Each structure stands twice: as C-alpha cells, then as structure tokens.
Amino acid sequence: MTKEQAFLIMTISVATIGFSIWYNLSSSLRLPVRYQVMYDSNPPYVNRIFRRRMYGLIIYGLIPLYIIFCTKWLNVFSLNDIPIFNWNIEAAKWTLGGIVMMALASFATASRQTSLEQYPDVRIRFWEPRILVLSTIWWILYIAAFEFFYRGILLHSFLLNFNGNEPLAIAASTSLYCLTQYFRRNRVSFFTIIYGIVACIVTLRTESIFPAMITHLTLSLLMEWLSILNHREMYVRRT
C-alpha cells in the first residue's frame, strides 16, 4: 500500500467513523434547536456546547496530526506533500472577498426569525464576557481543525488518489462535508453544498486553506454575535 492510499484510508475513516463519534458524543445535535431548553444559563448546558466543538478539534485536527507525525501508518507521508499552508496575493484577495461576502450575508440574515431559531448555538439569556470569550476561542479552534481536515487533507487525499482529477476530488470531499450538516435545515444544507464547492476550488487555486478557514470563521462569529444582538431575550452583561 502506497502512502497516498494510506493517506486516503485515514481521511475517509476520520470523515465517516470520526463524524459518527462526534455526532453521537454531541447529544444536543439529535434534538432540534427549537425543542431544546431555551435560555438555560447553568454551566453544564454551556459546557455541553463547548465540548461539541472540543470533540471536533480532537477528531478533525489533533487525531489526524497525531497519525501523520507520531505513527508510521502513512509510510512517511508529510504535510509538505500537499500545498495547503501557502499565503500569497491571490489567497489574500480571496480571503478579503470571503470576509466581505460573509459579513453582508450575516447582516442580511441574522435578524430573521428562521436564523434566530438556529443561532446562536449556546441558547442562554445572559451572555457574560467569559462565555463570549470562551465561545469565540472554541469557534476558532473548531473551525481551524474543520477546514484543515475537509479543505486540507481530505480534499488532497482524494486528489492524490484520483490522478489529479479536481472535479472528482471536489465532489467527493464536498459530499462528505455535507454529511456534517445534514441535521440542519434545508436552506443551510443547500448553502453548505455551494460553500463546500467554492471553498475547495479556492483552496486548490491558492494552494492555501487560510481563505476558507478565515471566511468560515467570519461567518460563524458574526452570526453568533449578531444573533445575540438581535435576539429579544438575550443580553450581554459584565457579570
């Protein structure tokens, strides 16, 4: 078995088995947001949401990195074998464009009732600074791991094994990415498909995961902050 084949087995295993573990550990995902206990400020509830993001960091980020750097399973495969950490003018342009588009989309949709039924993930009445900071940190770590996996190693594992066939690699990667969003509403799932395809194209064109990572993070943080601001029963307080 070549290192490219071992790489593909590892990424598909994480995308399927890893996702199943993440989903089952995240008990709140199995209950629609509108049916969850609303505005519950007790620490166990808040920590449950943060643990969901922590599990994502471990499964999509730390476990693949451990396999790559600390085991011989991939036959001396290295992250240097795939171009995902470059930063250039084109990557900067796509990043800026992504930030602007996500900002416009967030401001246009965050105040809608359908959006407020989904966001923010943490459904509490009073947002203390500590919770805001922790939520932001966990979003950054989770999305960094998520994009590293789906737009980084998973996409390129398909590309290496499909003889450089970019459309096929993008289709396969996006299909597994959409699996992580199937529990959301149809409009979110449709956006997921479009975003997944565009993010893959940008990653391959710029040879960088940073545009997709920063764009995704911009959307997640703005949707959370604007949803808190627009929610009539949610408030930010100092203590």
Protein backbone atom coordinates (compact mmCIF):
# COMPACT_ATOMS: atom_id res chain seq x y z
CA MET A 1 0.00 0.00 0.00
CA THR A 2 1.39 3.38 -1.04
CA LYS A 3 1.50 6.38 1.26
CA GLU A 4 -1.18 8.07 -0.87
CA GLN A 5 -3.54 5.12 -0.38
CA ALA A 6 -2.83 5.02 3.35
CA PHE A 7 -3.49 8.76 3.47
CA LEU A 8 -6.87 8.28 1.78
CA ILE A 9 -7.88 5.47 4.15
CA MET A 10 -7.03 7.67 7.11
CA THR A 11 -9.01 10.68 5.90
CA ILE A 12 -12.09 8.65 4.88
CA SER A 13 -12.02 6.88 8.25
CA VAL A 14 -11.99 10.20 10.09
CA ALA A 15 -14.73 11.63 7.81
CA THR A 16 -17.05 8.66 8.43
CA ILE A 17 -16.21 6.93 11.71
CA GLY A 18 -14.91 10.15 13.23
CA PHE A 19 -18.06 12.03 12.27
CA SER A 20 -20.26 9.27 13.72
CA ILE A 21 -18.38 9.50 17.02
CA TRP A 22 -18.60 13.30 17.03
CA TYR A 23 -22.32 13.24 16.30
CA ASN A 24 -23.12 10.69 18.99
CA LEU A 25 -20.99 12.48 21.58
CA SER A 26 -22.80 15.73 20.75
CA SER A 27 -26.17 14.87 22.28
CA SER A 28 -27.64 18.31 21.55
CA LEU A 29 -27.40 17.68 17.79
CA ARG A 30 -30.02 14.94 17.99
CA LEU A 31 -32.62 17.41 19.21
CA PRO A 32 -33.67 20.36 17.01
CA VAL A 33 -32.66 23.72 18.46
CA ARG A 34 -36.26 24.91 18.73
CA TYR A 35 -37.02 21.98 21.06
CA GLN A 36 -34.02 22.44 23.32
CA VAL A 37 -34.25 24.07 26.72
CA MET A 38 -34.08 27.77 25.95
CA TYR A 39 -32.14 30.37 27.91
CA ASP A 40 -30.68 27.84 30.35
CA SER A 41 -27.69 29.53 31.97
CA ASN A 42 -26.38 26.63 34.05
CA PRO A 43 -22.73 25.71 33.40
CA PRO A 44 -23.38 22.09 32.33
CA TYR A 45 -25.51 23.27 29.40
CA VAL A 46 -22.98 25.85 28.21
CA ASN A 47 -20.12 23.39 28.58
CA ARG A 48 -22.03 20.81 26.55
CA ILE A 49 -21.92 23.11 23.52
CA PHE A 50 -18.25 23.87 24.08
CA ARG A 51 -17.49 20.15 24.38
CA ARG A 52 -19.08 19.64 20.95
CA ARG A 53 -16.50 21.99 19.47
CA MET A 54 -13.73 20.39 21.53
CA TYR A 55 -14.64 16.96 20.13
CA GLY A 56 -14.45 18.45 16.64
CA LEU A 57 -10.98 19.86 17.36
CA ILE A 58 -9.80 16.46 18.58
CA ILE A 59 -11.35 14.36 15.80
CA TYR A 60 -10.70 16.62 12.81
CA GLY A 61 -7.45 18.21 13.94
CA LEU A 62 -5.48 16.50 16.67
CA ILE A 63 -6.09 12.86 15.69
CA PRO A 64 -5.04 13.33 12.02
CA LEU A 65 -1.99 15.32 13.13
CA TYR A 66 -1.06 12.61 15.60
CA ILE A 67 -1.36 9.93 12.92
CA ILE A 68 0.73 11.96 10.47
CA PHE A 69 3.52 12.95 12.86
CA CYS A 70 3.59 10.22 15.51
CA THR A 71 2.84 6.97 13.70
CA LYS A 72 4.26 5.06 10.74
CA TRP A 73 0.83 4.24 9.31
CA LEU A 74 1.12 6.71 6.42
CA ASN A 75 4.53 5.47 5.27
CA VAL A 76 6.45 8.72 5.91
CA PHE A 77 3.69 10.88 4.45
CA SER A 78 4.25 14.54 5.28
CA LEU A 79 2.11 17.66 5.19
CA ASN A 80 4.78 19.03 2.87
CA ASP A 81 3.38 16.61 0.27
CA ILE A 82 0.23 18.73 -0.06
CA PRO A 83 0.15 22.51 -0.72
CA ILE A 84 -2.25 23.92 1.88
CA PHE A 85 -0.28 26.40 4.00
CA ASN A 86 0.77 28.96 1.40
CA TRP A 87 -0.01 32.65 1.75
CA ASN A 88 0.14 34.80 -1.35
CA ILE A 89 -1.59 37.72 -3.04
CA GLU A 90 -4.31 35.56 -4.52
CA ALA A 91 -5.02 33.94 -1.15
CA ALA A 92 -5.26 37.40 0.43
CA LYS A 93 -7.69 38.58 -2.27
CA TRP A 94 -9.95 35.54 -1.84
CA THR A 95 -9.80 35.97 1.93
CA LEU A 96 -10.83 39.62 1.75
CA GLY A 97 -13.62 38.79 -0.68
CA GLY A 98 -14.83 35.98 1.57
CA ILE A 99 -14.87 38.24 4.63
CA VAL A 100 -16.92 40.88 2.79
CA MET A 101 -19.42 38.34 1.44
CA MET A 102 -19.88 36.63 4.80
CA ALA A 103 -20.31 39.97 6.53
CA LEU A 104 -23.01 41.03 4.06
CA ALA A 105 -24.76 37.67 4.36
CA SER A 106 -24.63 37.79 8.16
CA PHE A 107 -26.04 41.30 8.44
CA ALA A 108 -28.78 40.41 5.93
CA THR A 109 -29.96 37.21 7.63
CA ALA A 110 -29.05 37.34 11.33
CA SER A 111 -32.20 39.20 12.37
CA ARG A 112 -34.61 36.82 10.63
CA GLN A 113 -36.72 34.53 12.76
CA THR A 114 -35.59 31.43 10.90
CA SER A 115 -32.00 32.36 11.65
CA LEU A 116 -32.67 33.14 15.30
CA GLU A 117 -34.15 29.66 15.70
CA GLN A 118 -30.75 28.22 14.76
CA TYR A 119 -28.27 30.74 16.14
CA PRO A 120 -26.51 31.19 18.44
CA ASP A 121 -25.67 27.60 19.34
CA VAL A 122 -25.43 28.48 23.02
CA ARG A 123 -29.03 29.24 23.99
CA ILE A 124 -28.67 31.31 27.14
CA ARG A 125 -30.34 34.54 28.21
CA PHE A 126 -27.35 36.35 29.74
CA TRP A 127 -24.02 36.33 27.90
CA GLU A 128 -21.21 37.14 30.30
CA PRO A 129 -17.83 38.25 28.87
CA ARG A 130 -16.29 34.95 29.99
CA ILE A 131 -18.80 32.95 27.96
CA LEU A 132 -18.36 35.19 24.93
CA VAL A 133 -14.58 34.80 25.03
CA LEU A 134 -14.73 31.04 25.56
CA SER A 135 -17.23 30.65 22.73
CA THR A 136 -15.02 32.67 20.40
CA ILE A 137 -11.92 30.63 21.31
CA TRP A 138 -13.72 27.32 20.78
CA TRP A 139 -15.11 28.54 17.45
CA ILE A 140 -11.59 29.44 16.28
CA LEU A 141 -10.10 26.09 17.31
CA TYR A 142 -13.02 24.06 15.95
CA ILE A 143 -13.19 25.79 12.57
CA ALA A 144 -9.40 25.70 12.16
CA ALA A 145 -9.48 21.92 12.66
CA PHE A 146 -12.59 21.53 10.49
CA GLU A 147 -11.16 23.41 7.50
CA PHE A 148 -7.74 21.81 7.93
CA PHE A 149 -9.41 18.44 7.58
CA TYR A 150 -12.09 18.98 4.90
CA ARG A 151 -10.43 21.57 2.65
CA GLY A 152 -6.93 20.44 3.51
CA ILE A 153 -6.11 16.79 3.97
CA LEU A 154 -9.40 15.18 2.87
CA LEU A 155 -9.60 17.13 -0.40
CA HIS A 156 -5.96 16.45 -1.22
CA SER A 157 -6.18 12.77 -0.28
CA PHE A 158 -8.83 12.39 -2.99
CA LEU A 159 -6.81 14.49 -5.42
CA LEU A 160 -3.70 12.33 -4.93
CA ASN A 161 -5.67 9.12 -5.48
CA PHE A 162 -7.82 10.39 -8.38
CA ASN A 163 -4.80 11.19 -10.55
CA GLY A 164 -5.23 14.92 -10.10
CA ASN A 165 -8.89 14.94 -11.19
CA GLU A 166 -10.02 18.12 -9.43
CA PRO A 167 -13.80 17.96 -10.15
CA LEU A 168 -13.97 14.39 -8.83
CA ALA A 169 -11.92 15.24 -5.75
CA ILE A 170 -14.08 18.30 -5.04
CA ALA A 171 -17.28 16.28 -5.44
CA ALA A 172 -16.08 13.54 -3.09
CA SER A 173 -14.80 15.97 -0.47
CA THR A 174 -17.91 18.15 -0.57
CA SER A 175 -20.19 15.11 -0.27
CA LEU A 176 -18.52 14.06 2.98
CA TYR A 177 -18.51 17.66 4.19
CA CYS A 178 -22.27 17.91 3.62
CA LEU A 179 -22.72 14.87 5.84
CA THR A 180 -21.74 17.02 8.81
CA GLN A 181 -24.59 19.45 8.07
CA TYR A 182 -27.44 17.05 7.31
CA PHE A 183 -29.15 17.68 10.64
CA ARG A 184 -29.62 21.35 9.80
CA ARG A 185 -32.44 22.90 7.81
CA ASN A 186 -32.65 22.57 4.02
CA ARG A 187 -31.58 26.16 3.35
CA VAL A 188 -28.44 25.62 5.43
CA SER A 189 -27.74 22.32 3.69
CA PHE A 190 -28.05 23.99 0.27
CA PHE A 191 -25.65 26.75 1.32
CA THR A 192 -23.30 24.04 2.61
CA ILE A 193 -23.07 22.47 -0.84
CA ILE A 194 -22.32 25.78 -2.55
CA TYR A 195 -19.83 26.85 0.09
CA GLY A 196 -18.12 23.45 0.11
CA ILE A 197 -17.56 23.52 -3.65
CA VAL A 198 -16.32 27.12 -3.72
CA ALA A 199 -14.05 26.58 -0.70
CA CYS A 200 -12.44 23.57 -2.40
CA ILE A 201 -11.90 25.49 -5.64
CA VAL A 202 -10.33 28.42 -3.79
CA THR A 203 -8.10 26.10 -1.76
CA LEU A 204 -6.80 24.38 -4.89
CA ARG A 205 -6.36 27.65 -6.77
CA THR A 206 -4.48 29.44 -3.97
CA GLU A 207 -2.81 26.31 -2.54
CA SER A 208 -3.94 27.55 0.86
CA ILE A 209 -6.60 26.63 3.42
CA PHE A 210 -6.45 30.06 5.02
CA PRO A 211 -9.08 31.76 2.78
CA ALA A 212 -11.65 29.04 3.55
CA MET A 213 -10.69 28.98 7.22
CA ILE A 214 -10.94 32.74 7.73
CA THR A 215 -14.14 33.02 5.67
CA HIS A 216 -15.81 30.23 7.64
CA LEU A 217 -14.70 31.75 10.92
CA THR A 218 -16.02 35.18 9.90
CA LEU A 219 -19.45 33.74 9.18
CA SER A 220 -19.65 31.71 12.39
CA LEU A 221 -18.55 34.52 14.69
CA LEU A 222 -20.67 37.21 13.05
CA MET A 223 -23.75 35.00 13.07
CA GLU A 224 -23.27 34.31 16.76
CA TRP A 225 -22.63 37.93 17.75
CA LEU A 226 -25.39 39.38 15.56
CA SER A 227 -27.87 36.74 16.70
CA ILE A 228 -27.22 37.66 20.33
CA LEU A 229 -27.69 41.32 19.44
CA ASN A 230 -30.96 40.68 17.57
CA HIS A 231 -32.47 38.18 19.99
CA ARG A 232 -35.04 39.90 22.18
CA GLU A 233 -34.46 37.61 25.14
CA MET A 234 -30.65 37.60 25.05
CA TYR A 235 -28.43 40.16 26.71
CA VAL A 236 -24.72 40.78 27.20
CA ARG A 237 -23.76 41.72 30.73
CA ARG A 238 -20.48 42.24 32.56
CA THR A 239 -21.15 39.88 35.47
